[in-house]
C-alpha cells in the first residue's frame, strides 16, 4: 500500500503599525488583515504579547496534499502581509511533511 503524506506550512510574522498610538488604533487594521488571510484559506492566530500598541505577532498555518500547494498558500499569505498597512518586521517560514503508512 501507498504511504499517505501530509504537508503543513507555518509562518510567524512580527508586524509593526508605526502610526498606532493605542491598542484601539491597531485593532481594526489587524482584524481586516486576519480576515483577508482567512479568506485565502489560512488559519491565523495572534500569538506573543498582545499589549504592544504598534506591534502584532501572528502565526499562520496551512495544510495540503502537496508541498507545492503549501508553498502557493504561504506565498499568497506573504503577499497579503506585505500588501497590508503593517510593516513586516520579521517573518519565519517552515514546511513540514508527515508520512503515514495506511495499514490497509
C-alpha atoms as a PDB file:
ATOM      1  CA  UNK A   1       0.000   0.000   0.000  1.00  0.00           C
ATOM      2  CA  UNK A   2       0.993   3.595  -0.559  1.00  0.00           C
ATOM      3  CA  UNK A   3       2.003   5.906   2.213  1.00  0.00           C
ATOM      4  CA  UNK A   4      -0.110   8.981   2.879  1.00  0.00           C
ATOM      5  CA  UNK A   5       1.771  12.269   3.045  1.00  0.00           C
ATOM      6  CA  UNK A   6       0.524  15.408   4.706  1.00  0.00           C
ATOM      7  CA  UNK A   7       2.232  18.740   4.147  1.00  0.00           C
ATOM      8  CA  UNK A   8       1.922  21.603   6.613  1.00  0.00           C
ATOM      9  CA  UNK A   9       3.333  25.086   6.434  1.00  0.00           C
ATOM     10  CA  UNK A  10       3.676  27.797   9.034  1.00  0.00           C
ATOM     11  CA  UNK A  11       4.540  31.467   9.031  1.00  0.00           C
ATOM     12  CA  UNK A  12       5.217  33.551  12.103  1.00  0.00           C
ATOM     13  CA  UNK A  13       5.097  37.272  11.440  1.00  0.00           C
ATOM     14  CA  UNK A  14       6.195  40.204  13.558  1.00  0.00           C
ATOM     15  CA  UNK A  15       4.127  43.124  12.267  1.00  0.00           C
ATOM     16  CA  UNK A  16       4.584  46.822  13.010  1.00  0.00           C
ATOM     17  CA  UNK A  17       1.944  49.556  12.658  1.00  0.00           C
ATOM     18  CA  UNK A  18       4.058  52.624  13.371  1.00  0.00           C
ATOM     19  CA  UNK A  19       1.191  55.142  13.275  1.00  0.00           C
ATOM     20  CA  UNK A  20      -0.752  53.384  16.008  1.00  0.00           C
ATOM     21  CA  UNK A  21      -0.963  55.210  19.340  1.00  0.00           C
ATOM     22  CA  UNK A  22      -3.151  52.683  21.162  1.00  0.00           C
ATOM     23  CA  UNK A  23      -4.403  49.112  21.032  1.00  0.00           C
ATOM     24  CA  UNK A  24      -7.667  50.501  19.668  1.00  0.00           C
ATOM     25  CA  UNK A  25      -5.802  52.093  16.714  1.00  0.00           C
ATOM     26  CA  UNK A  26      -4.289  48.706  15.884  1.00  0.00           C
ATOM     27  CA  UNK A  27      -7.472  46.647  16.271  1.00  0.00           C
ATOM     28  CA  UNK A  28      -9.338  47.453  13.023  1.00  0.00           C
ATOM     29  CA  UNK A  29      -6.364  47.033  10.658  1.00  0.00           C
ATOM     30  CA  UNK A  30      -5.395  43.792  12.408  1.00  0.00           C
ATOM     31  CA  UNK A  31      -8.920  42.381  12.165  1.00  0.00           C
ATOM     32  CA  UNK A  32      -9.069  43.268   8.465  1.00  0.00           C
ATOM     33  CA  UNK A  33      -5.709  41.595   7.825  1.00  0.00           C
ATOM     34  CA  UNK A  34      -6.704  38.447   9.708  1.00  0.00           C
ATOM     35  CA  UNK A  35      -9.950  38.239   7.696  1.00  0.00           C
ATOM     36  CA  UNK A  36      -8.099  38.644   4.381  1.00  0.00           C
ATOM     37  CA  UNK A  37      -5.753  35.799   5.380  1.00  0.00           C
ATOM     38  CA  UNK A  38      -8.651  33.561   6.419  1.00  0.00           C
ATOM     39  CA  UNK A  39     -10.328  34.263   3.078  1.00  0.00           C
ATOM     40  CA  UNK A  40      -7.189  32.772   1.486  1.00  0.00           C
ATOM     41  CA  UNK A  41      -7.729  29.500   3.434  1.00  0.00           C
ATOM     42  CA  UNK A  42      -5.067  30.274   6.022  1.00  0.00           C
ATOM     43  CA  UNK A  43      -5.531  29.577   9.733  1.00  0.00           C
ATOM     44  CA  UNK A  44      -4.449  32.607  11.787  1.00  0.00           C
ATOM     45  CA  UNK A  45      -3.847  33.196  15.486  1.00  0.00           C
ATOM     46  CA  UNK A  46      -2.466  36.181  17.318  1.00  0.00           C
ATOM     47  CA  UNK A  47       0.465  34.985  19.411  1.00  0.00           C
ATOM     48  CA  UNK A  48       3.031  36.605  21.662  1.00  0.00           C
ATOM     49  CA  UNK A  49       2.452  39.733  23.706  1.00  0.00           C
ATOM     50  CA  UNK A  50      -0.837  41.391  22.814  1.00  0.00           C
ATOM     51  CA  UNK A  51      -0.261  44.628  24.719  1.00  0.00           C
ATOM     52  CA  UNK A  52       2.102  46.353  22.271  1.00  0.00           C
ATOM     53  CA  UNK A  53       0.125  49.088  20.545  1.00  0.00           C
ATOM     54  CA  UNK A  54       2.401  49.256  17.480  1.00  0.00           C
ATOM     55  CA  UNK A  55       3.202  45.549  17.062  1.00  0.00           C
ATOM     56  CA  UNK A  56       1.296  42.342  16.453  1.00  0.00           C
ATOM     57  CA  UNK A  57       2.557  38.792  16.231  1.00  0.00           C
ATOM     58  CA  UNK A  58       0.626  36.398  14.004  1.00  0.00           C
ATOM     59  CA  UNK A  59       1.051  32.664  13.471  1.00  0.00           C
ATOM     60  CA  UNK A  60      -0.338  31.310  10.197  1.00  0.00           C
ATOM     61  CA  UNK A  61      -0.816  27.680   9.197  1.00  0.00           C
ATOM     62  CA  UNK A  62      -1.843  25.798   6.057  1.00  0.00           C
ATOM     63  CA  UNK A  63      -2.313  22.112   5.235  1.00  0.00           C
ATOM     64  CA  UNK A  64      -2.339  20.486   1.793  1.00  0.00           C
ATOM     65  CA  UNK A  65      -1.682  17.255  -0.029  1.00  0.00           C
ATOM     66  CA  UNK A  66       1.416  18.534  -1.815  1.00  0.00           C
ATOM     67  CA  UNK A  67       4.427  20.617  -0.926  1.00  0.00           C
ATOM     68  CA  UNK A  68       3.802  22.769  -3.997  1.00  0.00           C
ATOM     69  CA  UNK A  69       0.295  23.672  -2.804  1.00  0.00           C
ATOM     70  CA  UNK A  70       1.568  24.537   0.681  1.00  0.00           C
ATOM     71  CA  UNK A  71       4.169  26.781  -0.956  1.00  0.00           C
ATOM     72  CA  UNK A  72       1.492  28.503  -3.041  1.00  0.00           C
ATOM     73  CA  UNK A  73      -0.679  29.132   0.023  1.00  0.00           C
ATOM     74  CA  UNK A  74       2.255  30.505   2.034  1.00  0.00           C
ATOM     75  CA  UNK A  75       3.335  32.693  -0.894  1.00  0.00           C
ATOM     76  CA  UNK A  76      -0.177  34.149  -1.052  1.00  0.00           C
ATOM     77  CA  UNK A  77      -0.195  34.741   2.708  1.00  0.00           C
ATOM     78  CA  UNK A  78       3.159  36.529   2.482  1.00  0.00           C
ATOM     79  CA  UNK A  79       1.883  38.761  -0.331  1.00  0.00           C
ATOM     80  CA  UNK A  80      -1.160  39.602   1.791  1.00  0.00           C
ATOM     81  CA  UNK A  81       1.056  40.507   4.763  1.00  0.00           C
ATOM     82  CA  UNK A  82       3.361  42.712   2.679  1.00  0.00           C
ATOM     83  CA  UNK A  83       0.384  44.440   0.997  1.00  0.00           C
ATOM     84  CA  UNK A  84      -1.214  45.334   4.351  1.00  0.00           C
ATOM     85  CA  UNK A  85      -0.902  48.526   6.391  1.00  0.00           C
ATOM     86  CA  UNK A  86       1.637  46.741   8.575  1.00  0.00           C
ATOM     87  CA  UNK A  87       5.379  46.708   8.071  1.00  0.00           C
ATOM     88  CA  UNK A  88       6.721  43.163   8.269  1.00  0.00           C
ATOM     89  CA  UNK A  89       9.473  43.290  10.890  1.00  0.00           C
ATOM     90  CA  UNK A  90      10.331  39.592  10.810  1.00  0.00           C
ATOM     91  CA  UNK A  91       8.918  36.577   9.024  1.00  0.00           C
ATOM     92  CA  UNK A  92       9.724  32.920   9.665  1.00  0.00           C
ATOM     93  CA  UNK A  93       8.501  30.211   7.321  1.00  0.00           C
ATOM     94  CA  UNK A  94       8.635  26.429   7.605  1.00  0.00           C
ATOM     95  CA  UNK A  95       7.219  23.497   5.645  1.00  0.00           C
ATOM     96  CA  UNK A  96       6.926  20.025   7.170  1.00  0.00           C
ATOM     97  CA  UNK A  97       5.959  16.654   5.742  1.00  0.00           C
ATOM     98  CA  UNK A  98       4.487  13.782   7.723  1.00  0.00           C
ATOM     99  CA  UNK A  99       4.226  10.296   6.279  1.00  0.00           C
ATOM    100  CA  UNK A 100       1.682   7.771   7.475  1.00  0.00           C
ATOM    101  CA  UNK A 101       1.514   4.114   6.491  1.00  0.00           C
ATOM    102  CA  UNK A 102      -2.042   3.365   5.520  1.00  0.00           C
ATOM    103  CA  UNK A 103      -2.046  -0.147   7.033  1.00  0.00           C
ATOM    104  CA  UNK A 104      -4.717  -1.334   4.607  1.00  0.00           C
END
